């Protein structure tokens, strides 16, 4: 009888823990996904800014290079 009592207590405890985890893990997963989404957005914004800076730099370089020699002859 003691063995059956131990099994039922363990089963009830496991059920309570499972229900608590079901309640807690859904908001935790949503929070982690939100943090990941913010990180990806920041990464995309930084990439866009770096890309724009590189494009402006290349444009200025090409403009100055062609203004020195408009016909492209050396």
PDB file of N, CA and C in Angstrom:
ATOM      1  N   UNK A   1       0.816  -1.186   0.000  1.00  0.00           N
ATOM      2  CA  UNK A   1       0.000   0.000   0.000  1.00  0.00           C
ATOM      3  C   UNK A   1       0.866   1.259   0.000  1.00  0.00           C
ATOM      4  N   UNK A   2       2.009   1.202   0.684  1.00  0.00           N
ATOM      5  CA  UNK A   2       2.893   2.363   0.715  1.00  0.00           C
ATOM      6  C   UNK A   2       3.401   2.695  -0.686  1.00  0.00           C
ATOM      7  N   UNK A   3       3.678   1.666  -1.462  1.00  0.00           N
ATOM      8  CA  UNK A   3       4.178   1.879  -2.821  1.00  0.00           C
ATOM      9  C   UNK A   3       3.134   2.602  -3.665  1.00  0.00           C
ATOM     10  N   UNK A   4       1.880   2.183  -3.548  1.00  0.00           N
ATOM     11  CA  UNK A   4       0.800   2.815  -4.310  1.00  0.00           C
ATOM     12  C   UNK A   4       0.597   4.253  -3.856  1.00  0.00           C
ATOM     13  N   UNK A   5       0.737   4.512  -2.577  1.00  0.00           N
ATOM     14  CA  UNK A   5       0.588   5.880  -2.075  1.00  0.00           C
ATOM     15  C   UNK A   5       1.701   6.764  -2.621  1.00  0.00           C
ATOM     16  N   UNK A   6       2.910   6.244  -2.655  1.00  0.00           N
ATOM     17  CA  UNK A   6       4.032   7.014  -3.188  1.00  0.00           C
ATOM     18  C   UNK A   6       3.824   7.311  -4.674  1.00  0.00           C
ATOM     19  N   UNK A   7       3.324   6.331  -5.397  1.00  0.00           N
ATOM     20  CA  UNK A   7       3.062   6.548  -6.826  1.00  0.00           C
ATOM     21  C   UNK A   7       1.981   7.594  -7.042  1.00  0.00           C
ATOM     22  N   UNK A   8       0.943   7.575  -6.241  1.00  0.00           N
ATOM     23  CA  UNK A   8      -0.143   8.540  -6.435  1.00  0.00           C
ATOM     24  C   UNK A   8       0.320   9.953  -6.052  1.00  0.00           C
ATOM     25  N   UNK A   9       1.130  10.073  -5.002  1.00  0.00           N
ATOM     26  CA  UNK A   9       1.647  11.389  -4.622  1.00  0.00           C
ATOM     27  C   UNK A   9       2.575  11.910  -5.718  1.00  0.00           C
ATOM     28  N   UNK A  10       3.429  11.036  -6.248  1.00  0.00           N
ATOM     29  CA  UNK A  10       4.333  11.437  -7.324  1.00  0.00           C
ATOM     30  C   UNK A  10       3.537  11.834  -8.564  1.00  0.00           C
ATOM     31  N   UNK A  11       2.497  11.095  -8.865  1.00  0.00           N
ATOM     32  CA  UNK A  11       1.662  11.414 -10.013  1.00  0.00           C
ATOM     33  C   UNK A  11       0.954  12.747  -9.850  1.00  0.00           C
ATOM     34  N   UNK A  12       0.428  12.997  -8.669  1.00  0.00           N
ATOM     35  CA  UNK A  12      -0.241  14.279  -8.427  1.00  0.00           C
ATOM     36  C   UNK A  12       0.746  15.442  -8.491  1.00  0.00           C
ATOM     37  N   UNK A  13       1.922  15.237  -7.906  1.00  0.00           N
ATOM     38  CA  UNK A  13       2.938  16.284  -7.947  1.00  0.00           C
ATOM     39  C   UNK A  13       3.373  16.558  -9.389  1.00  0.00           C
ATOM     40  N   UNK A  14       3.556  15.503 -10.162  1.00  0.00           N
ATOM     41  CA  UNK A  14       3.917  15.670 -11.569  1.00  0.00           C
ATOM     42  C   UNK A  14       2.832  16.401 -12.347  1.00  0.00           C
ATOM     43  N   UNK A  15       1.579  16.094 -12.066  1.00  0.00           N
ATOM     44  CA  UNK A  15       0.462  16.766 -12.733  1.00  0.00           C
ATOM     45  C   UNK A  15       0.432  18.251 -12.396  1.00  0.00           C
ATOM     46  N   UNK A  16       0.657  18.580 -11.119  1.00  0.00           N
ATOM     47  CA  UNK A  16       0.647  19.986 -10.692  1.00  0.00           C
ATOM     48  C   UNK A  16       1.804  20.740 -11.354  1.00  0.00           C
ATOM     49  N   UNK A  17       2.972  20.121 -11.399  1.00  0.00           N
ATOM     50  CA  UNK A  17       4.130  20.766 -12.033  1.00  0.00           C
ATOM     51  C   UNK A  17       3.871  20.964 -13.528  1.00  0.00           C
ATOM     52  N   UNK A  18       3.298  19.974 -14.179  1.00  0.00           N
ATOM     53  CA  UNK A  18       2.985  20.087 -15.611  1.00  0.00           C
ATOM     54  C   UNK A  18       2.008  21.224 -15.883  1.00  0.00           C
ATOM     55  N   UNK A  19       0.997  21.340 -15.060  1.00  0.00           N
ATOM     56  CA  UNK A  19       0.018  22.420 -15.248  1.00  0.00           C
ATOM     57  C   UNK A  19       0.663  23.782 -15.011  1.00  0.00           C
ATOM     58  N   UNK A  20       1.530  23.884 -14.014  1.00  0.00           N
ATOM     59  CA  UNK A  20       2.217  25.152 -13.759  1.00  0.00           C
ATOM     60  C   UNK A  20       3.123  25.515 -14.933  1.00  0.00           C
ATOM     61  N   UNK A  21       3.811  24.531 -15.486  1.00  0.00           N
ATOM     62  CA  UNK A  21       4.673  24.802 -16.632  1.00  0.00           C
ATOM     63  C   UNK A  21       3.870  25.207 -17.856  1.00  0.00           C
ATOM     64  N   UNK A  22       2.698  24.621 -18.044  1.00  0.00           N
ATOM     65  CA  UNK A  22       1.847  25.014 -19.174  1.00  0.00           C
ATOM     66  C   UNK A  22       1.445  26.480 -19.051  1.00  0.00           C
ATOM     67  N   UNK A  23       1.202  26.924 -17.847  1.00  0.00           N
ATOM     68  CA  UNK A  23       0.803  28.313 -17.627  1.00  0.00           C
ATOM     69  C   UNK A  23       1.984  29.254 -17.828  1.00  0.00           C
ATOM     70  N   UNK A  24       3.171  28.861 -17.374  1.00  0.00           N
ATOM     71  CA  UNK A  24       4.332  29.751 -17.391  1.00  0.00           C
ATOM     72  C   UNK A  24       5.082  29.764 -18.719  1.00  0.00           C
ATOM     73  N   UNK A  25       5.101  28.671 -19.447  1.00  0.00           N
ATOM     74  CA  UNK A  25       5.944  28.598 -20.631  1.00  0.00           C
ATOM     75  C   UNK A  25       5.384  29.344 -21.839  1.00  0.00           C
ATOM     76  N   UNK A  26       4.086  29.485 -21.953  1.00  0.00           N
ATOM     77  CA  UNK A  26       3.525  30.211 -23.099  1.00  0.00           C
ATOM     78  C   UNK A  26       3.949  31.685 -23.095  1.00  0.00           C
ATOM     79  N   UNK A  27       3.803  32.412 -21.984  1.00  0.00           N
ATOM     80  CA  UNK A  27       4.278  33.801 -21.988  1.00  0.00           C
ATOM     81  C   UNK A  27       5.801  33.899 -22.105  1.00  0.00           C
ATOM     82  N   UNK A  28       6.509  32.938 -21.539  1.00  0.00           N
ATOM     83  CA  UNK A  28       7.970  32.954 -21.637  1.00  0.00           C
ATOM     84  C   UNK A  28       8.412  32.777 -23.089  1.00  0.00           C
ATOM     85  N   UNK A  29       7.777  31.874 -23.810  1.00  0.00           N
ATOM     86  CA  UNK A  29       8.116  31.673 -25.216  1.00  0.00           C
ATOM     87  C   UNK A  29       7.772  32.914 -26.039  1.00  0.00           C
ATOM     88  N   UNK A  30       6.643  33.537 -25.755  1.00  0.00           N
ATOM     89  CA  UNK A  30       6.267  34.759 -26.475  1.00  0.00           C
ATOM     90  C   UNK A  30       7.263  35.876 -26.188  1.00  0.00           C
ATOM     91  N   UNK A  31       7.701  35.985 -24.950  1.00  0.00           N
ATOM     92  CA  UNK A  31       8.679  37.010 -24.584  1.00  0.00           C
ATOM     93  C   UNK A  31      10.005  36.782 -25.293  1.00  0.00           C
ATOM     94  N   UNK A  32      10.462  35.544 -25.337  1.00  0.00           N
ATOM     95  CA  UNK A  32      11.715  35.247 -26.023  1.00  0.00           C
ATOM     96  C   UNK A  32      11.618  35.525 -27.525  1.00  0.00           C
ATOM     97  N   UNK A  33      10.489  35.204 -28.132  1.00  0.00           N
ATOM     98  CA  UNK A  33      10.303  35.513 -29.546  1.00  0.00           C
ATOM     99  C   UNK A  33      10.274  37.022 -29.793  1.00  0.00           C
ATOM    100  N   UNK A  34       9.686  37.769 -28.881  1.00  0.00           N
ATOM    101  CA  UNK A  34       9.657  39.222 -29.021  1.00  0.00           C
ATOM    102  C   UNK A  34      11.069  39.803 -28.923  1.00  0.00           C
ATOM    103  N   UNK A  35      11.869  39.303 -27.994  1.00  0.00           N
ATOM    104  CA  UNK A  35      13.252  39.766 -27.854  1.00  0.00           C
ATOM    105  C   UNK A  35      14.040  39.436 -29.127  1.00  0.00           C
ATOM    106  N   UNK A  36      13.850  38.246 -29.667  1.00  0.00           N
ATOM    107  CA  UNK A  36      14.540  37.865 -30.899  1.00  0.00           C
ATOM    108  C   UNK A  36      14.098  38.753 -32.058  1.00  0.00           C
ATOM    109  N   UNK A  37      12.821  39.085 -32.133  1.00  0.00           N
ATOM    110  CA  UNK A  37      12.316  39.937 -33.206  1.00  0.00           C
ATOM    111  C   UNK A  37      12.916  41.336 -33.116  1.00  0.00           C
ATOM    112  N   UNK A  38      13.022  41.879 -31.918  1.00  0.00           N
ATOM    113  CA  UNK A  38      13.632  43.202 -31.740  1.00  0.00           C
ATOM    114  C   UNK A  38      15.094  43.162 -32.161  1.00  0.00           C
ATOM    115  N   UNK A  39      15.794  42.086 -31.809  1.00  0.00           N
ATOM    116  CA  UNK A  39      17.192  41.948 -32.212  1.00  0.00           C
ATOM    117  C   UNK A  39      17.352  41.895 -33.722  1.00  0.00           C
ATOM    118  N   UNK A  40      16.489  41.172 -34.383  1.00  0.00           N
ATOM    119  CA  UNK A  40      16.569  41.076 -35.846  1.00  0.00           C
ATOM    120  C   UNK A  40      16.253  42.425 -36.489  1.00  0.00           C
ATOM    121  N   UNK A  41      15.278  43.140 -35.949  1.00  0.00           N
ATOM    122  CA  UNK A  41      14.953  44.461 -36.489  1.00  0.00           C
ATOM    123  C   UNK A  41      16.131  45.414 -36.321  1.00  0.00           C
ATOM    124  N   UNK A  42      16.758  45.403 -35.163  1.00  0.00           N
ATOM    125  CA  UNK A  42      17.924  46.259 -34.943  1.00  0.00           C
ATOM    126  C   UNK A  42      19.052  45.900 -35.898  1.00  0.00           C
ATOM    127  N   UNK A  43      19.252  44.615 -36.108  1.00  0.00           N
ATOM    128  CA  UNK A  43      20.293  44.172 -37.034  1.00  0.00           C
ATOM    129  C   UNK A  43      19.999  44.653 -38.450  1.00  0.00           C
ATOM    130  N   UNK A  44      18.748  44.589 -38.869  1.00  0.00           N
ATOM    131  CA  UNK A  44      18.376  45.071 -40.196  1.00  0.00           C
ATOM    132  C   UNK A  44      18.549  46.581 -40.320  1.00  0.00           C
ATOM    133  N   UNK A  45      18.211  47.323 -39.270  1.00  0.00           N
ATOM    134  CA  UNK A  45      18.380  48.774 -39.306  1.00  0.00           C
ATOM    135  C   UNK A  45      19.849  49.134 -39.395  1.00  0.00           C
ATOM    136  N   UNK A  46      20.675  48.473 -38.602  1.00  0.00           N
ATOM    137  CA  UNK A  46      22.125  48.732 -38.646  1.00  0.00           C
ATOM    138  C   UNK A  46      22.672  48.377 -40.023  1.00  0.00           C
ATOM    139  N   UNK A  47      22.237  47.274 -40.592  1.00  0.00           N
ATOM    140  CA  UNK A  47      22.678  46.886 -41.926  1.00  0.00           C
ATOM    141  C   UNK A  47      22.268  47.892 -42.981  1.00  0.00           C
ATOM    142  N   UNK A  48      21.056  48.430 -42.867  1.00  0.00           N
ATOM    143  CA  UNK A  48      20.598  49.436 -43.828  1.00  0.00           C
ATOM    144  C   UNK A  48      21.424  50.713 -43.712  1.00  0.00           C
ATOM    145  N   UNK A  49      21.737  51.118 -42.488  1.00  0.00           N
ATOM    146  CA  UNK A  49      22.538  52.334 -42.298  1.00  0.00           C
ATOM    147  C   UNK A  49      23.947  52.134 -42.843  1.00  0.00           C
ATOM    148  N   UNK A  50      24.553  50.992 -42.561  1.00  0.00           N
ATOM    149  CA  UNK A  50      25.903  50.712 -43.079  1.00  0.00           C
ATOM    150  C   UNK A  50      25.872  50.655 -44.605  1.00  0.00           C
ATOM    151  N   UNK A  51      24.863  50.022 -45.167  1.00  0.00           N
ATOM    152  CA  UNK A  51      24.742  49.953 -46.617  1.00  0.00           C
ATOM    153  C   UNK A  51      24.578  51.326 -47.249  1.00  0.00           C
ATOM    154  N   UNK A  52      23.780  52.190 -46.617  1.00  0.00           N
ATOM    155  CA  UNK A  52      23.603  53.548 -47.131  1.00  0.00           C
ATOM    156  C   UNK A  52      24.913  54.327 -47.060  1.00  0.00           C
ATOM    157  N   UNK A  53      25.660  54.154 -45.969  1.00  0.00           N
ATOM    158  CA  UNK A  53      26.954  54.841 -45.838  1.00  0.00           C
ATOM    159  C   UNK A  53      27.933  54.371 -46.910  1.00  0.00           C
ATOM    160  N   UNK A  54      27.960  53.086 -47.162  1.00  0.00           N
ATOM    161  CA  UNK A  54      28.851  52.561 -48.201  1.00  0.00           C
ATOM    162  C   UNK A  54      28.425  53.091 -49.572  1.00  0.00           C
ATOM    163  N   UNK A  55      27.133  53.129 -49.835  1.00  0.00           N
ATOM    164  CA  UNK A  55      26.647  53.631 -51.124  1.00  0.00           C
ATOM    165  C   UNK A  55      26.997  55.104 -51.307  1.00  0.00           C
ATOM    166  N   UNK A  56      26.841  55.907 -50.266  1.00  0.00           N
ATOM    167  CA  UNK A  56      27.193  57.324 -50.356  1.00  0.00           C
ATOM    168  C   UNK A  56      28.695  57.483 -50.554  1.00  0.00           C
ATOM    169  N   UNK A  57      29.482  56.693 -49.826  1.00  0.00           N
ATOM    170  CA  UNK A  57      30.936  56.752 -49.978  1.00  0.00           C
ATOM    171  C   UNK A  57      31.380  56.397 -51.384  1.00  0.00           C
ATOM    172  N   UNK A  58      30.817  55.360 -51.940  1.00  0.00           N
ATOM    173  CA  UNK A  58      31.163  54.961 -53.309  1.00  0.00           C
ATOM    174  C   UNK A  58      30.708  56.032 -54.293  1.00  0.00           C
ATOM    175  N   UNK A  59      29.535  56.607 -54.067  1.00  0.00           N
ATOM    176  CA  UNK A  59      29.052  57.666 -54.943  1.00  0.00           C
ATOM    177  C   UNK A  59      29.955  58.889 -54.916  1.00  0.00           C
ATOM    178  N   UNK A  60      30.392  59.286 -53.735  1.00  0.00           N
ATOM    179  CA  UNK A  60      31.304  60.434 -53.622  1.00  0.00           C
ATOM    180  C   UNK A  60      32.627  60.123 -54.298  1.00  0.00           C
ATOM    181  N   UNK A  61      33.132  58.913 -54.096  1.00  0.00           N
ATOM    182  CA  UNK A  61      34.401  58.523 -54.720  1.00  0.00           C
ATOM    183  C   UNK A  61      34.293  58.566 -56.252  1.00  0.00           C
ATOM    184  N   UNK A  62      33.226  57.993 -56.772  1.00  0.00           N
ATOM    185  CA  UNK A  62      33.042  57.971 -58.229  1.00  0.00           C
ATOM    186  C   UNK A  62      32.859  59.387 -58.755  1.00  0.00           C
ATOM    187  N   UNK A  63      32.092  60.217 -58.053  1.00  0.00           N
ATOM    188  CA  UNK A  63      31.888  61.592 -58.489  1.00  0.00           C
ATOM    189  C   UNK A  63      33.211  62.358 -58.542  1.00  0.00           C
ATOM    190  N   UNK A  64      34.005  62.268 -57.478  1.00  0.00           N
ATOM    191  CA  UNK A  64      35.288  62.980 -57.456  1.00  0.00           C
ATOM    192  C   UNK A  64      36.229  62.434 -58.517  1.00  0.00           C
ATOM    193  N   UNK A  65      36.197  61.146 -58.708  1.00  0.00           N
ATOM    194  CA  UNK A  65      37.073  60.519 -59.696  1.00  0.00           C
ATOM    195  C   UNK A  65      36.712  60.981 -61.112  1.00  0.00           C
ATOM    196  N   UNK A  66      35.424  61.075 -61.404  1.00  0.00           N
ATOM    197  CA  UNK A  66      35.016  61.499 -62.745  1.00  0.00           C
ATOM    198  C   UNK A  66      35.153  63.009 -62.931  1.00  0.00           C
ATOM    199  N   UNK A  67      35.115  63.801 -61.878  1.00  0.00           N
ATOM    200  CA  UNK A  67      35.281  65.251 -62.001  1.00  0.00           C
ATOM    201  C   UNK A  67      36.735  65.602 -62.312  1.00  0.00           C
ATOM    202  N   UNK A  68      37.671  64.795 -61.849  1.00  0.00           N
ATOM    203  CA  UNK A  68      39.081  65.035 -62.155  1.00  0.00           C
ATOM    204  C   UNK A  68      39.359  64.812 -63.643  1.00  0.00           C
ATOM    205  N   UNK A  69      38.696  63.800 -64.192  1.00  0.00           N
ATOM    206  CA  UNK A  69      38.923  63.433 -65.591  1.00  0.00           C
ATOM    207  C   UNK A  69      37.556  63.112 -66.204  1.00  0.00           C
ATOM    208  N   UNK A  70      36.806  64.119 -66.638  1.00  0.00           N
ATOM    209  CA  UNK A  70      35.446  63.891 -67.092  1.00  0.00           C
ATOM    210  C   UNK A  70      35.309  62.922 -68.258  1.00  0.00           C
ATOM    211  N   UNK A  71      36.288  62.859 -69.133  1.00  0.00           N
ATOM    212  CA  UNK A  71      36.179  61.985 -70.297  1.00  0.00           C
ATOM    213  C   UNK A  71      36.696  60.584 -70.018  1.00  0.00           C
ATOM    214  N   UNK A  72      37.286  60.388 -68.884  1.00  0.00           N
ATOM    215  CA  UNK A  72      37.818  59.069 -68.553  1.00  0.00           C
ATOM    216  C   UNK A  72      39.147  58.774 -69.198  1.00  0.00           C
ATOM    217  N   UNK A  73      39.781  59.776 -69.766  1.00  0.00           N
ATOM    218  CA  UNK A  73      41.098  59.561 -70.387  1.00  0.00           C
ATOM    219  C   UNK A  73      42.193  59.950 -69.404  1.00  0.00           C
ATOM    220  N   UNK A  74      43.280  59.246 -69.456  1.00  0.00           N
ATOM    221  CA  UNK A  74      44.375  59.563 -68.530  1.00  0.00           C
ATOM    222  C   UNK A  74      45.515  60.229 -69.230  1.00  0.00           C
TER     223      UNK A  74
END
